[in-house]
Amino acid sequence: MPRPTQFLLQLSDVGLSDPLGRHSLLENISFTVHEGDRLAIIGPSGSGKTTLLRLINRLQDPSTGSILFQSQPLTQFTVIHLRQQIVLVPQEPKLLGMTVEDTLTYPLKLQKLSSTEIKQRLEYWRSQLPIPDDWLERNELQLSLGQRQLISIVRGLMMQPKLLLFDEPTSALDHDKALQLLEVLKTITIESKTAVIMVNHQLELVEQFTQQVFKLNQGKLQQ
């Protein structure tokens, strides 16, 4: 299948310095993402992988260069709209002490979707990445990190974004379970044409999931 000619996301010579401007955290980062692409960024701890995702999600702004989403600068979008279209799934999800069901549905309520639509999305995505019935009324604080990561992934998928940013989404799973989850995610994202950028430090895992792998080392990107 040919790739769309119109890009979804484009980074051009993106750089980020520390607050005092004395050290470069990221340098000359450039790549393009199209609809349905699956990219991985690997590299050692501290190489800037999570920082790069934060720039794409506009939790931070770059010091130099440009980031375009659907041909428009990120700054042209409201933060709320942007984060409905570009969803970041963090390595350690923030906990608000809600039930699992409320955690999953809260972003959709903010979007003012109907209760019928919310219920349909919840049931659909639970069928794709099975979440037991008895989890729904449990407090998220009672879940293990691996279970919270799964909930965070499902919540991101339920928002039906154009682009998903995964920050070490399987770090709390053993190798076999991580492979199984990534295989399911691969099928889901292919069917939905959702683009994915995944940060991970295990090359053998991301090779099973992605079409293209970049290496980030000391703030510089290598293909």
N, C-alpha and C. Protein backbone atom coordinates (compact mmCIF):
# COMPACT_ATOMS: atom_id res chain seq x y z
N MET A 1 0.84 -1.19 0.00
CA MET A 1 0.00 0.00 0.00
C MET A 1 0.88 1.24 0.00
N PRO A 2 0.65 2.18 -0.94
CA PRO A 2 1.48 3.39 -0.99
C PRO A 2 1.24 4.29 0.22
N ARG A 3 2.28 5.00 0.63
CA ARG A 3 2.15 5.91 1.76
C ARG A 3 1.41 7.18 1.33
N PRO A 4 0.64 7.79 2.24
CA PRO A 4 0.01 9.07 1.91
C PRO A 4 1.08 10.11 1.58
N THR A 5 0.79 10.97 0.62
CA THR A 5 1.76 11.99 0.25
C THR A 5 1.80 13.11 1.29
N GLN A 6 0.67 13.34 1.97
CA GLN A 6 0.60 14.40 2.96
C GLN A 6 1.10 13.87 4.30
N PHE A 7 2.06 14.57 4.89
CA PHE A 7 2.59 14.09 6.16
C PHE A 7 1.63 14.44 7.31
N LEU A 8 1.72 13.66 8.36
CA LEU A 8 0.95 13.90 9.57
C LEU A 8 1.75 14.77 10.54
N LEU A 9 3.03 14.40 10.70
CA LEU A 9 3.92 15.12 11.62
C LEU A 9 5.26 15.31 10.95
N GLN A 10 5.84 16.48 11.12
CA GLN A 10 7.16 16.74 10.54
C GLN A 10 8.01 17.55 11.51
N LEU A 11 9.16 17.00 11.86
CA LEU A 11 10.13 17.70 12.68
C LEU A 11 11.28 18.14 11.79
N SER A 12 11.67 19.40 11.89
CA SER A 12 12.74 19.94 11.06
C SER A 12 13.77 20.64 11.94
N ASP A 13 14.97 20.05 12.02
CA ASP A 13 16.09 20.65 12.75
C ASP A 13 15.71 21.07 14.17
N VAL A 14 14.97 20.21 14.84
CA VAL A 14 14.49 20.52 16.19
C VAL A 14 15.63 20.38 17.20
N GLY A 15 15.76 21.37 18.04
CA GLY A 15 16.76 21.33 19.10
C GLY A 15 16.16 21.83 20.41
N LEU A 16 16.76 21.41 21.50
CA LEU A 16 16.33 21.86 22.82
C LEU A 16 17.55 22.04 23.70
N SER A 17 17.64 23.18 24.34
CA SER A 17 18.73 23.47 25.28
C SER A 17 18.20 23.47 26.70
N ASP A 18 19.10 23.33 27.66
CA ASP A 18 18.68 23.43 29.05
C ASP A 18 18.23 24.87 29.34
N PRO A 19 17.52 25.09 30.45
CA PRO A 19 16.95 26.43 30.71
C PRO A 19 17.96 27.58 30.65
N LEU A 20 19.23 27.30 30.96
CA LEU A 20 20.24 28.35 30.92
C LEU A 20 20.92 28.46 29.57
N GLY A 21 20.56 27.53 28.65
CA GLY A 21 21.11 27.57 27.31
C GLY A 21 22.56 27.14 27.20
N ARG A 22 23.06 26.44 28.22
CA ARG A 22 24.47 26.05 28.21
C ARG A 22 24.72 24.67 27.62
N HIS A 23 23.68 23.82 27.63
CA HIS A 23 23.85 22.45 27.14
C HIS A 23 22.71 22.11 26.18
N SER A 24 23.03 21.38 25.14
CA SER A 24 22.03 20.91 24.19
C SER A 24 21.49 19.56 24.65
N LEU A 25 20.17 19.49 24.81
CA LEU A 25 19.53 18.23 25.17
C LEU A 25 19.14 17.44 23.92
N LEU A 26 18.76 18.16 22.87
CA LEU A 26 18.45 17.57 21.58
C LEU A 26 19.03 18.46 20.49
N GLU A 27 19.54 17.84 19.41
CA GLU A 27 20.17 18.61 18.35
C GLU A 27 19.72 18.15 16.97
N ASN A 28 19.24 19.08 16.17
CA ASN A 28 18.97 18.86 14.74
C ASN A 28 18.15 17.59 14.48
N ILE A 29 17.05 17.45 15.21
CA ILE A 29 16.18 16.28 15.03
C ILE A 29 15.24 16.53 13.86
N SER A 30 15.27 15.65 12.87
CA SER A 30 14.40 15.79 11.70
C SER A 30 13.87 14.41 11.30
N PHE A 31 12.56 14.31 11.17
CA PHE A 31 11.93 13.12 10.57
C PHE A 31 10.47 13.45 10.30
N THR A 32 9.85 12.59 9.50
CA THR A 32 8.47 12.81 9.07
C THR A 32 7.65 11.55 9.37
N VAL A 33 6.42 11.75 9.79
CA VAL A 33 5.50 10.66 10.10
C VAL A 33 4.25 10.83 9.24
N HIS A 34 3.85 9.74 8.58
CA HIS A 34 2.62 9.74 7.80
C HIS A 34 1.54 8.93 8.52
N GLU A 35 0.33 9.06 8.06
CA GLU A 35 -0.78 8.30 8.63
C GLU A 35 -0.45 6.82 8.65
N GLY A 36 -0.62 6.20 9.80
CA GLY A 36 -0.42 4.76 9.93
C GLY A 36 1.01 4.32 10.12
N ASP A 37 1.97 5.24 10.09
CA ASP A 37 3.37 4.87 10.30
C ASP A 37 3.58 4.36 11.73
N ARG A 38 4.53 3.47 11.87
CA ARG A 38 4.93 2.98 13.19
C ARG A 38 6.45 3.14 13.31
N LEU A 39 6.87 4.11 14.11
CA LEU A 39 8.29 4.42 14.29
C LEU A 39 8.70 4.11 15.72
N ALA A 40 9.94 3.74 15.86
CA ALA A 40 10.50 3.52 17.20
C ALA A 40 11.75 4.38 17.36
N ILE A 41 11.94 4.83 18.58
CA ILE A 41 13.14 5.57 18.95
C ILE A 41 13.78 4.85 20.12
N ILE A 42 14.98 4.35 19.90
CA ILE A 42 15.68 3.62 20.94
C ILE A 42 16.91 4.42 21.37
N GLY A 43 17.45 4.03 22.48
CA GLY A 43 18.65 4.71 22.98
C GLY A 43 18.78 4.51 24.47
N PRO A 44 19.96 4.78 25.00
CA PRO A 44 20.20 4.59 26.43
C PRO A 44 19.42 5.59 27.28
N SER A 45 19.31 5.29 28.54
CA SER A 45 18.66 6.20 29.48
C SER A 45 19.37 7.55 29.46
N GLY A 46 18.58 8.63 29.43
CA GLY A 46 19.15 9.96 29.43
C GLY A 46 19.52 10.49 28.06
N SER A 47 19.18 9.74 27.01
CA SER A 47 19.56 10.17 25.65
C SER A 47 18.61 11.22 25.08
N GLY A 48 17.46 11.42 25.72
CA GLY A 48 16.52 12.43 25.25
C GLY A 48 15.24 11.89 24.64
N LYS A 49 15.00 10.57 24.78
CA LYS A 49 13.84 9.95 24.15
C LYS A 49 12.52 10.52 24.68
N THR A 50 12.37 10.52 25.99
CA THR A 50 11.14 11.03 26.59
C THR A 50 10.99 12.52 26.33
N THR A 51 12.08 13.25 26.37
CA THR A 51 12.05 14.69 26.09
C THR A 51 11.52 14.95 24.69
N LEU A 52 11.91 14.13 23.74
CA LEU A 52 11.43 14.29 22.37
C LEU A 52 9.92 14.10 22.29
N LEU A 53 9.40 13.10 22.98
CA LEU A 53 7.95 12.89 22.99
C LEU A 53 7.25 14.08 23.62
N ARG A 54 7.84 14.65 24.66
CA ARG A 54 7.25 15.81 25.32
C ARG A 54 7.16 17.01 24.37
N LEU A 55 8.14 17.15 23.49
CA LEU A 55 8.09 18.23 22.50
C LEU A 55 6.95 18.01 21.51
N ILE A 56 6.78 16.77 21.07
CA ILE A 56 5.74 16.46 20.10
C ILE A 56 4.36 16.66 20.71
N ASN A 57 4.21 16.36 21.99
CA ASN A 57 2.94 16.53 22.71
C ASN A 57 2.77 17.94 23.26
N ARG A 58 3.78 18.77 23.05
CA ARG A 58 3.83 20.17 23.48
C ARG A 58 3.76 20.35 24.99
N LEU A 59 4.35 19.39 25.71
CA LEU A 59 4.59 19.60 27.13
C LEU A 59 5.80 20.51 27.31
N GLN A 60 6.62 20.60 26.28
CA GLN A 60 7.71 21.56 26.19
C GLN A 60 7.75 22.08 24.75
N ASP A 61 8.36 23.23 24.57
CA ASP A 61 8.55 23.77 23.23
C ASP A 61 10.04 23.73 22.88
N PRO A 62 10.36 23.46 21.61
CA PRO A 62 11.76 23.40 21.22
C PRO A 62 12.44 24.76 21.27
N SER A 63 13.76 24.72 21.43
CA SER A 63 14.54 25.97 21.39
C SER A 63 14.79 26.41 19.96
N THR A 64 14.93 25.43 19.07
CA THR A 64 15.19 25.72 17.66
C THR A 64 14.41 24.75 16.78
N GLY A 65 14.27 25.09 15.50
CA GLY A 65 13.60 24.21 14.57
C GLY A 65 12.08 24.33 14.64
N SER A 66 11.40 23.44 13.92
CA SER A 66 9.94 23.51 13.85
C SER A 66 9.33 22.11 13.93
N ILE A 67 8.12 22.07 14.48
CA ILE A 67 7.33 20.84 14.51
C ILE A 67 5.96 21.17 13.91
N LEU A 68 5.62 20.48 12.82
CA LEU A 68 4.34 20.69 12.15
C LEU A 68 3.47 19.46 12.34
N PHE A 69 2.20 19.69 12.59
CA PHE A 69 1.20 18.62 12.67
C PHE A 69 0.09 18.96 11.68
N GLN A 70 -0.15 18.05 10.74
CA GLN A 70 -1.11 18.29 9.67
C GLN A 70 -0.83 19.64 8.98
N SER A 71 0.47 19.85 8.73
CA SER A 71 0.99 21.01 7.99
C SER A 71 0.92 22.33 8.75
N GLN A 72 0.52 22.29 10.02
CA GLN A 72 0.42 23.51 10.81
C GLN A 72 1.39 23.43 12.00
N PRO A 73 2.00 24.55 12.40
CA PRO A 73 2.84 24.55 13.60
C PRO A 73 2.02 24.12 14.83
N LEU A 74 2.66 23.39 15.73
CA LEU A 74 1.96 22.95 16.94
C LEU A 74 1.34 24.13 17.68
N THR A 75 2.01 25.27 17.63
CA THR A 75 1.53 26.44 18.36
C THR A 75 0.22 26.99 17.80
N GLN A 76 -0.21 26.54 16.61
CA GLN A 76 -1.47 27.00 16.03
C GLN A 76 -2.68 26.27 16.61
N PHE A 77 -2.41 25.18 17.35
CA PHE A 77 -3.50 24.41 17.93
C PHE A 77 -3.67 24.76 19.41
N THR A 78 -4.91 24.73 19.89
CA THR A 78 -5.09 24.82 21.33
C THR A 78 -4.51 23.55 21.96
N VAL A 79 -4.05 23.66 23.18
CA VAL A 79 -3.45 22.50 23.85
C VAL A 79 -4.47 21.37 23.96
N ILE A 80 -5.71 21.70 24.27
CA ILE A 80 -6.75 20.67 24.42
C ILE A 80 -6.95 19.93 23.11
N HIS A 81 -7.08 20.67 22.01
CA HIS A 81 -7.30 20.02 20.70
C HIS A 81 -6.09 19.18 20.31
N LEU A 82 -4.90 19.73 20.51
CA LEU A 82 -3.69 19.01 20.13
C LEU A 82 -3.58 17.69 20.87
N ARG A 83 -3.86 17.70 22.15
CA ARG A 83 -3.69 16.48 22.95
C ARG A 83 -4.85 15.50 22.81
N GLN A 84 -5.87 15.90 22.07
CA GLN A 84 -6.87 14.93 21.64
C GLN A 84 -6.42 14.21 20.38
N GLN A 85 -5.58 14.88 19.59
CA GLN A 85 -5.10 14.32 18.33
C GLN A 85 -3.75 13.62 18.48
N ILE A 86 -2.94 14.09 19.42
CA ILE A 86 -1.64 13.47 19.72
C ILE A 86 -1.66 13.07 21.18
N VAL A 87 -1.76 11.79 21.44
CA VAL A 87 -1.94 11.29 22.81
C VAL A 87 -0.64 10.63 23.29
N LEU A 88 -0.17 11.09 24.42
CA LEU A 88 1.04 10.53 25.04
C LEU A 88 0.64 9.51 26.10
N VAL A 89 1.18 8.30 25.96
CA VAL A 89 0.99 7.24 26.97
C VAL A 89 2.30 7.13 27.73
N PRO A 90 2.35 7.63 28.97
CA PRO A 90 3.62 7.70 29.69
C PRO A 90 4.04 6.35 30.26
N GLN A 91 5.30 6.26 30.61
CA GLN A 91 5.83 5.02 31.19
C GLN A 91 5.20 4.74 32.55
N GLU A 92 5.02 5.79 33.34
CA GLU A 92 4.40 5.65 34.66
C GLU A 92 3.18 6.57 34.70
N PRO A 93 2.00 6.00 34.41
CA PRO A 93 0.79 6.83 34.36
C PRO A 93 0.53 7.54 35.68
N LYS A 94 0.07 8.79 35.57
CA LYS A 94 -0.29 9.54 36.77
C LYS A 94 -1.58 8.97 37.36
N LEU A 95 -1.61 8.89 38.67
CA LEU A 95 -2.75 8.32 39.36
C LEU A 95 -3.57 9.41 40.03
N LEU A 96 -4.89 9.37 39.81
CA LEU A 96 -5.79 10.33 40.43
C LEU A 96 -6.69 9.67 41.47
N GLY A 97 -6.48 8.38 41.69
CA GLY A 97 -7.27 7.68 42.69
C GLY A 97 -8.69 7.36 42.25
N MET A 98 -8.94 7.34 40.95
CA MET A 98 -10.27 7.04 40.42
C MET A 98 -10.42 5.55 40.19
N THR A 99 -11.65 5.13 39.93
CA THR A 99 -11.84 3.75 39.51
C THR A 99 -11.27 3.58 38.10
N VAL A 100 -11.03 2.35 37.73
CA VAL A 100 -10.49 2.08 36.39
C VAL A 100 -11.46 2.57 35.32
N GLU A 101 -12.74 2.35 35.52
CA GLU A 101 -13.72 2.81 34.52
C GLU A 101 -13.69 4.32 34.37
N ASP A 102 -13.61 5.04 35.49
CA ASP A 102 -13.56 6.50 35.42
C ASP A 102 -12.26 6.98 34.76
N THR A 103 -11.17 6.28 35.04
CA THR A 103 -9.89 6.63 34.42
C THR A 103 -9.97 6.47 32.90
N LEU A 104 -10.62 5.41 32.45
CA LEU A 104 -10.74 5.16 31.01
C LEU A 104 -11.66 6.16 30.32
N THR A 105 -12.72 6.54 30.98
CA THR A 105 -13.75 7.35 30.31
C THR A 105 -13.60 8.85 30.54
N TYR A 106 -12.79 9.25 31.49
CA TYR A 106 -12.68 10.67 31.84
C TYR A 106 -12.30 11.55 30.64
N PRO A 107 -11.28 11.17 29.83
CA PRO A 107 -10.94 12.03 28.68
C PRO A 107 -12.09 12.19 27.69
N LEU A 108 -12.92 11.15 27.54
CA LEU A 108 -14.04 11.22 26.61
C LEU A 108 -15.14 12.13 27.15
N LYS A 109 -15.31 12.13 28.46
CA LYS A 109 -16.29 13.04 29.07
C LYS A 109 -15.85 14.49 28.88
N LEU A 110 -14.54 14.73 28.95
CA LEU A 110 -14.03 16.08 28.70
C LEU A 110 -14.32 16.52 27.27
N GLN A 111 -14.34 15.55 26.35
CA GLN A 111 -14.66 15.86 24.96
C GLN A 111 -16.16 16.01 24.73
N LYS A 112 -16.94 15.79 25.81
CA LYS A 112 -18.40 15.93 25.77
C LYS A 112 -19.05 14.93 24.81
N LEU A 113 -18.47 13.73 24.74
CA LEU A 113 -19.11 12.68 23.96
C LEU A 113 -20.34 12.18 24.72
N SER A 114 -21.28 11.63 23.98
CA SER A 114 -22.49 11.11 24.61
C SER A 114 -22.18 9.87 25.43
N SER A 115 -23.00 9.59 26.40
CA SER A 115 -22.79 8.40 27.24
C SER A 115 -22.85 7.14 26.41
N THR A 116 -23.68 7.15 25.35
CA THR A 116 -23.77 5.98 24.47
C THR A 116 -22.46 5.76 23.73
N GLU A 117 -21.88 6.84 23.18
CA GLU A 117 -20.61 6.74 22.47
C GLU A 117 -19.50 6.29 23.41
N ILE A 118 -19.48 6.83 24.60
CA ILE A 118 -18.45 6.45 25.58
C ILE A 118 -18.56 4.97 25.92
N LYS A 119 -19.77 4.50 26.14
CA LYS A 119 -19.97 3.09 26.47
C LYS A 119 -19.54 2.19 25.31
N GLN A 120 -19.87 2.60 24.09
CA GLN A 120 -19.50 1.80 22.92
C GLN A 120 -17.98 1.71 22.78
N ARG A 121 -17.29 2.83 22.97
CA ARG A 121 -15.83 2.82 22.86
C ARG A 121 -15.22 1.96 23.97
N LEU A 122 -15.75 2.08 25.17
CA LEU A 122 -15.23 1.31 26.29
C LEU A 122 -15.35 -0.19 26.01
N GLU A 123 -16.52 -0.61 25.57
CA GLU A 123 -16.73 -2.03 25.32
C GLU A 123 -15.89 -2.52 24.15
N TYR A 124 -15.75 -1.69 23.11
CA TYR A 124 -14.96 -2.10 21.95
C TYR A 124 -13.50 -2.30 22.33
N TRP A 125 -12.91 -1.29 22.99
CA TRP A 125 -11.48 -1.38 23.28
C TRP A 125 -11.18 -2.39 24.37
N ARG A 126 -12.12 -2.64 25.25
CA ARG A 126 -11.94 -3.72 26.23
C ARG A 126 -11.91 -5.07 25.53
N SER A 127 -12.62 -5.19 24.42
CA SER A 127 -12.60 -6.45 23.68
C SER A 127 -11.30 -6.62 22.90
N GLN A 128 -10.66 -5.51 22.54
CA GLN A 128 -9.40 -5.58 21.80
C GLN A 128 -8.21 -5.87 22.71
N LEU A 129 -8.19 -5.22 23.86
CA LEU A 129 -7.15 -5.43 24.87
C LEU A 129 -7.86 -5.79 26.16
N PRO A 130 -8.15 -7.07 26.36
CA PRO A 130 -9.07 -7.49 27.41
C PRO A 130 -8.75 -6.93 28.79
N ILE A 131 -9.76 -6.27 29.36
CA ILE A 131 -9.71 -5.79 30.73
C ILE A 131 -10.83 -6.50 31.49
N PRO A 132 -10.49 -7.29 32.51
CA PRO A 132 -11.53 -8.05 33.23
C PRO A 132 -12.61 -7.14 33.82
N ASP A 133 -13.83 -7.66 33.91
CA ASP A 133 -14.94 -6.89 34.46
C ASP A 133 -14.64 -6.40 35.87
N ASP A 134 -13.97 -7.24 36.65
CA ASP A 134 -13.76 -6.86 38.06
C ASP A 134 -12.71 -5.76 38.22
N TRP A 135 -12.04 -5.40 37.14
CA TRP A 135 -11.10 -4.27 37.22
C TRP A 135 -11.83 -2.93 37.24
N LEU A 136 -12.98 -2.85 36.58
CA LEU A 136 -13.61 -1.56 36.31
C LEU A 136 -13.94 -0.78 37.58
N GLU A 137 -14.36 -1.47 38.62
CA GLU A 137 -14.72 -0.78 39.85
C GLU A 137 -13.56 -0.70 40.84
N ARG A 138 -12.41 -1.25 40.46
CA ARG A 138 -11.25 -1.17 41.35
C ARG A 138 -10.62 0.22 41.28
N ASN A 139 -10.05 0.64 42.38
CA ASN A 139 -9.30 1.88 42.39
C ASN A 139 -7.98 1.65 41.66
N GLU A 140 -7.61 2.57 40.80
CA GLU A 140 -6.38 2.40 40.02
C GLU A 140 -5.15 2.28 40.91
N LEU A 141 -5.23 2.80 42.15
CA LEU A 141 -4.11 2.70 43.07
C LEU A 141 -3.83 1.25 43.48
N GLN A 142 -4.81 0.38 43.27
CA GLN A 142 -4.66 -1.02 43.63
C GLN A 142 -4.00 -1.85 42.53
N LEU A 143 -3.78 -1.24 41.39
CA LEU A 143 -3.22 -1.98 40.25
C LEU A 143 -1.70 -1.98 40.28
N SER A 144 -1.13 -3.02 39.69
CA SER A 144 0.32 -3.06 39.51
C SER A 144 0.72 -2.07 38.42
N LEU A 145 2.01 -1.79 38.30
CA LEU A 145 2.47 -0.87 37.25
C LEU A 145 2.13 -1.42 35.88
N GLY A 146 2.32 -2.72 35.67
CA GLY A 146 1.99 -3.31 34.38
C GLY A 146 0.51 -3.17 34.04
N GLN A 147 -0.35 -3.35 35.05
CA GLN A 147 -1.79 -3.19 34.83
C GLN A 147 -2.14 -1.73 34.53
N ARG A 148 -1.48 -0.81 35.22
CA ARG A 148 -1.74 0.62 34.98
C ARG A 148 -1.28 1.02 33.57
N GLN A 149 -0.17 0.42 33.13
CA GLN A 149 0.29 0.71 31.77
C GLN A 149 -0.74 0.24 30.74
N LEU A 150 -1.32 -0.93 30.98
CA LEU A 150 -2.34 -1.45 30.06
C LEU A 150 -3.55 -0.52 30.04
N ILE A 151 -3.98 -0.06 31.21
CA ILE A 151 -5.12 0.86 31.29
C ILE A 151 -4.80 2.15 30.53
N SER A 152 -3.60 2.63 30.69
CA SER A 152 -3.19 3.86 30.02
C SER A 152 -3.18 3.70 28.51
N ILE A 153 -2.75 2.54 28.03
CA ILE A 153 -2.77 2.25 26.59
C ILE A 153 -4.20 2.24 26.07
N VAL A 154 -5.09 1.54 26.78
CA VAL A 154 -6.49 1.47 26.35
C VAL A 154 -7.12 2.86 26.35
N ARG A 155 -6.83 3.66 27.38
CA ARG A 155 -7.38 5.02 27.44
C ARG A 155 -6.92 5.83 26.23
N GLY A 156 -5.65 5.69 25.86
CA GLY A 156 -5.15 6.41 24.69
C GLY A 156 -5.85 5.97 23.42
N LEU A 157 -6.06 4.67 23.25
CA LEU A 157 -6.74 4.16 22.06
C LEU A 157 -8.19 4.62 22.02
N MET A 158 -8.84 4.68 23.19
CA MET A 158 -10.25 5.10 23.24
C MET A 158 -10.44 6.53 22.75
N MET A 159 -9.40 7.35 22.85
CA MET A 159 -9.50 8.74 22.38
C MET A 159 -9.44 8.84 20.86
N GLN A 160 -9.06 7.74 20.20
CA GLN A 160 -8.99 7.66 18.74
C GLN A 160 -8.18 8.83 18.14
N PRO A 161 -6.93 8.98 18.59
CA PRO A 161 -6.09 10.07 18.09
C PRO A 161 -5.53 9.75 16.71
N LYS A 162 -4.94 10.76 16.10
CA LYS A 162 -4.22 10.56 14.85
C LYS A 162 -2.83 9.97 15.11
N LEU A 163 -2.26 10.31 16.27
CA LEU A 163 -0.89 9.90 16.59
C LEU A 163 -0.82 9.50 18.06
N LEU A 164 -0.26 8.32 18.31
CA LEU A 164 -0.02 7.82 19.66
C LEU A 164 1.47 7.86 19.96
N LEU A 165 1.82 8.39 21.12
CA LEU A 165 3.20 8.43 21.57
C LEU A 165 3.32 7.47 22.76
N PHE A 166 4.08 6.40 22.58
CA PHE A 166 4.26 5.41 23.64
C PHE A 166 5.64 5.56 24.26
N ASP A 167 5.68 5.82 25.56
CA ASP A 167 6.94 5.95 26.27
C ASP A 167 7.17 4.68 27.10
N GLU A 168 7.98 3.77 26.57
CA GLU A 168 8.27 2.50 27.25
C GLU A 168 6.98 1.83 27.75
N PRO A 169 6.03 1.54 26.86
CA PRO A 169 4.71 1.06 27.30
C PRO A 169 4.71 -0.34 27.90
N THR A 170 5.78 -1.09 27.69
CA THR A 170 5.82 -2.47 28.20
C THR A 170 6.93 -2.67 29.22
N SER A 171 7.41 -1.60 29.82
CA SER A 171 8.58 -1.70 30.71
C SER A 171 8.32 -2.56 31.94
N ALA A 172 7.05 -2.68 32.35
CA ALA A 172 6.74 -3.45 33.56
C ALA A 172 6.32 -4.88 33.25
N LEU A 173 6.40 -5.28 31.97
CA LEU A 173 6.00 -6.62 31.56
C LEU A 173 7.23 -7.48 31.27
N ASP A 174 7.07 -8.79 31.44
CA ASP A 174 8.17 -9.66 31.04
C ASP A 174 8.21 -9.73 29.51
N HIS A 175 9.28 -10.30 28.98
CA HIS A 175 9.53 -10.25 27.53
C HIS A 175 8.40 -10.86 26.73
N ASP A 176 7.90 -12.03 27.14
CA ASP A 176 6.85 -12.71 26.37
C ASP A 176 5.55 -11.91 26.38
N LYS A 177 5.16 -11.38 27.54
CA LYS A 177 3.93 -10.59 27.63
C LYS A 177 4.06 -9.29 26.84
N ALA A 178 5.25 -8.71 26.86
CA ALA A 178 5.49 -7.49 26.10
C ALA A 178 5.32 -7.75 24.60
N LEU A 179 5.87 -8.86 24.12
CA LEU A 179 5.73 -9.22 22.71
C LEU A 179 4.26 -9.43 22.33
N GLN A 180 3.52 -10.10 23.20
CA GLN A 180 2.11 -10.36 22.93
C GLN A 180 1.33 -9.05 22.84
N LEU A 181 1.59 -8.13 23.78
CA LEU A 181 0.89 -6.86 23.77
C LEU A 181 1.24 -6.05 22.53
N LEU A 182 2.50 -6.03 22.16
CA LEU A 182 2.91 -5.25 20.98
C LEU A 182 2.31 -5.84 19.70
N GLU A 183 2.16 -7.14 19.65
CA GLU A 183 1.55 -7.76 18.48
C GLU A 183 0.09 -7.34 18.35
N VAL A 184 -0.62 -7.29 19.48
CA VAL A 184 -2.01 -6.83 19.46
C VAL A 184 -2.07 -5.36 19.05
N LEU A 185 -1.19 -4.55 19.61
CA LEU A 185 -1.16 -3.12 19.28
C LEU A 185 -0.84 -2.90 17.80
N LYS A 186 0.03 -3.72 17.27
CA LYS A 186 0.37 -3.61 15.85
C LYS A 186 -0.86 -3.83 14.99
N THR A 187 -1.62 -4.87 15.29
CA THR A 187 -2.84 -5.17 14.53
C THR A 187 -3.84 -4.03 14.66
N ILE A 188 -4.02 -3.54 15.88
CA ILE A 188 -5.00 -2.47 16.13
C ILE A 188 -4.64 -1.21 15.36
N THR A 189 -3.38 -0.82 15.43
CA THR A 189 -2.98 0.44 14.81
C THR A 189 -2.97 0.34 13.29
N ILE A 190 -2.69 -0.84 12.76
CA ILE A 190 -2.77 -1.02 11.30
C ILE A 190 -4.22 -0.86 10.85
N GLU A 191 -5.15 -1.51 11.58
CA GLU A 191 -6.56 -1.45 11.20
C GLU A 191 -7.12 -0.04 11.32
N SER A 192 -6.70 0.69 12.34
CA SER A 192 -7.23 2.04 12.58
C SER A 192 -6.44 3.13 11.86
N LYS A 193 -5.32 2.75 11.25
CA LYS A 193 -4.43 3.71 10.55
C LYS A 193 -3.90 4.78 11.51
N THR A 194 -3.73 4.40 12.75
CA THR A 194 -3.19 5.32 13.75
C THR A 194 -1.67 5.30 13.67
N ALA A 195 -1.07 6.47 13.58
CA ALA A 195 0.39 6.54 13.58
C ALA A 195 0.91 6.38 15.00
N VAL A 196 2.08 5.78 15.12
CA VAL A 196 2.67 5.52 16.44
C VAL A 196 4.14 5.88 16.44
N ILE A 197 4.56 6.56 17.48
CA ILE A 197 5.98 6.73 17.78
C ILE A 197 6.21 6.08 19.13
N MET A 198 7.06 5.08 19.17
CA MET A 198 7.30 4.34 20.40
C MET A 198 8.74 4.52 20.86
N VAL A 199 8.88 4.90 22.10
CA VAL A 199 10.20 4.97 22.74
C VAL A 199 10.42 3.68 23.49
N ASN A 200 11.58 3.08 23.29
CA ASN A 200 11.91 1.85 23.98
C ASN A 200 13.42 1.69 23.99
N HIS A 201 13.93 0.87 24.88
CA HIS A 201 15.37 0.64 24.91
C HIS A 201 15.70 -0.78 24.46
N GLN A 202 14.66 -1.57 24.10
CA GLN A 202 14.89 -2.96 23.68
C GLN A 202 14.64 -3.09 22.18
N LEU A 203 15.71 -3.17 21.42
CA LEU A 203 15.61 -3.22 19.97
C LEU A 203 14.81 -4.43 19.51
N GLU A 204 15.01 -5.59 20.16
CA GLU A 204 14.33 -6.80 19.71
C GLU A 204 12.82 -6.70 19.85
N LEU A 205 12.34 -5.87 20.77
CA LEU A 205 10.90 -5.67 20.92
C LEU A 205 10.36 -4.76 19.82
N VAL A 206 11.00 -3.62 19.62
CA VAL A 206 10.45 -2.65 18.68
C VAL A 206 10.57 -3.13 17.24
N GLU A 207 11.55 -3.99 16.95
CA GLU A 207 11.68 -4.51 15.59
C GLU A 207 10.46 -5.33 15.19
N GLN A 208 9.78 -5.92 16.20
CA GLN A 208 8.58 -6.71 15.91
C GLN A 208 7.37 -5.81 15.63
N PHE A 209 7.45 -4.56 16.04
CA PHE A 209 6.28 -3.68 16.00
C PHE A 209 6.37 -2.61 14.93
N THR A 210 7.56 -2.06 14.73
CA THR A 210 7.67 -0.84 13.93
C THR A 210 8.16 -1.10 12.51
N GLN A 211 8.00 -0.08 11.68
CA GLN A 211 8.50 -0.12 10.31
C GLN A 211 9.87 0.54 10.20
N GLN A 212 10.17 1.44 11.13
CA GLN A 212 11.40 2.21 11.07
C GLN A 212 11.91 2.45 12.48
N VAL A 213 13.23 2.32 12.66
CA VAL A 213 13.83 2.50 13.99
C VAL A 213 14.90 3.57 13.91
N PHE A 214 14.81 4.55 14.79
CA PHE A 214 15.84 5.57 14.94
C PHE A 214 16.56 5.34 16.26
N LYS A 215 17.83 5.67 16.28
CA LYS A 215 18.60 5.61 17.52
C LYS A 215 18.91 7.02 17.98
N LEU A 216 18.63 7.30 19.23
CA LEU A 216 18.92 8.60 19.81
C LEU A 216 20.04 8.43 20.82
N ASN A 217 21.10 9.17 20.61
CA ASN A 217 22.26 9.07 21.50
C ASN A 217 22.83 10.46 21.74
N GLN A 218 22.88 10.84 23.00
CA GLN A 218 23.38 12.17 23.38
C GLN A 218 22.68 13.28 22.61
N GLY A 219 21.36 13.11 22.47
CA GLY A 219 20.53 14.14 21.86
C GLY A 219 20.55 14.19 20.35
N LYS A 220 21.26 13.24 19.70
CA LYS A 220 21.35 13.23 18.24
C LYS A 220 20.70 11.97 17.69
N LEU A 221 19.96 12.14 16.58
CA LEU A 221 19.20 11.05 16.01
C LEU A 221 19.96 10.40 14.87
N GLN A 222 19.96 9.06 14.89
CA GLN A 222 20.61 8.28 13.83
C GLN A 222 19.62 7.25 13.32
N GLN A 223 19.62 7.03 12.01
CA GLN A 223 18.69 6.06 11.42
C GLN A 223 19.38 4.72 11.25
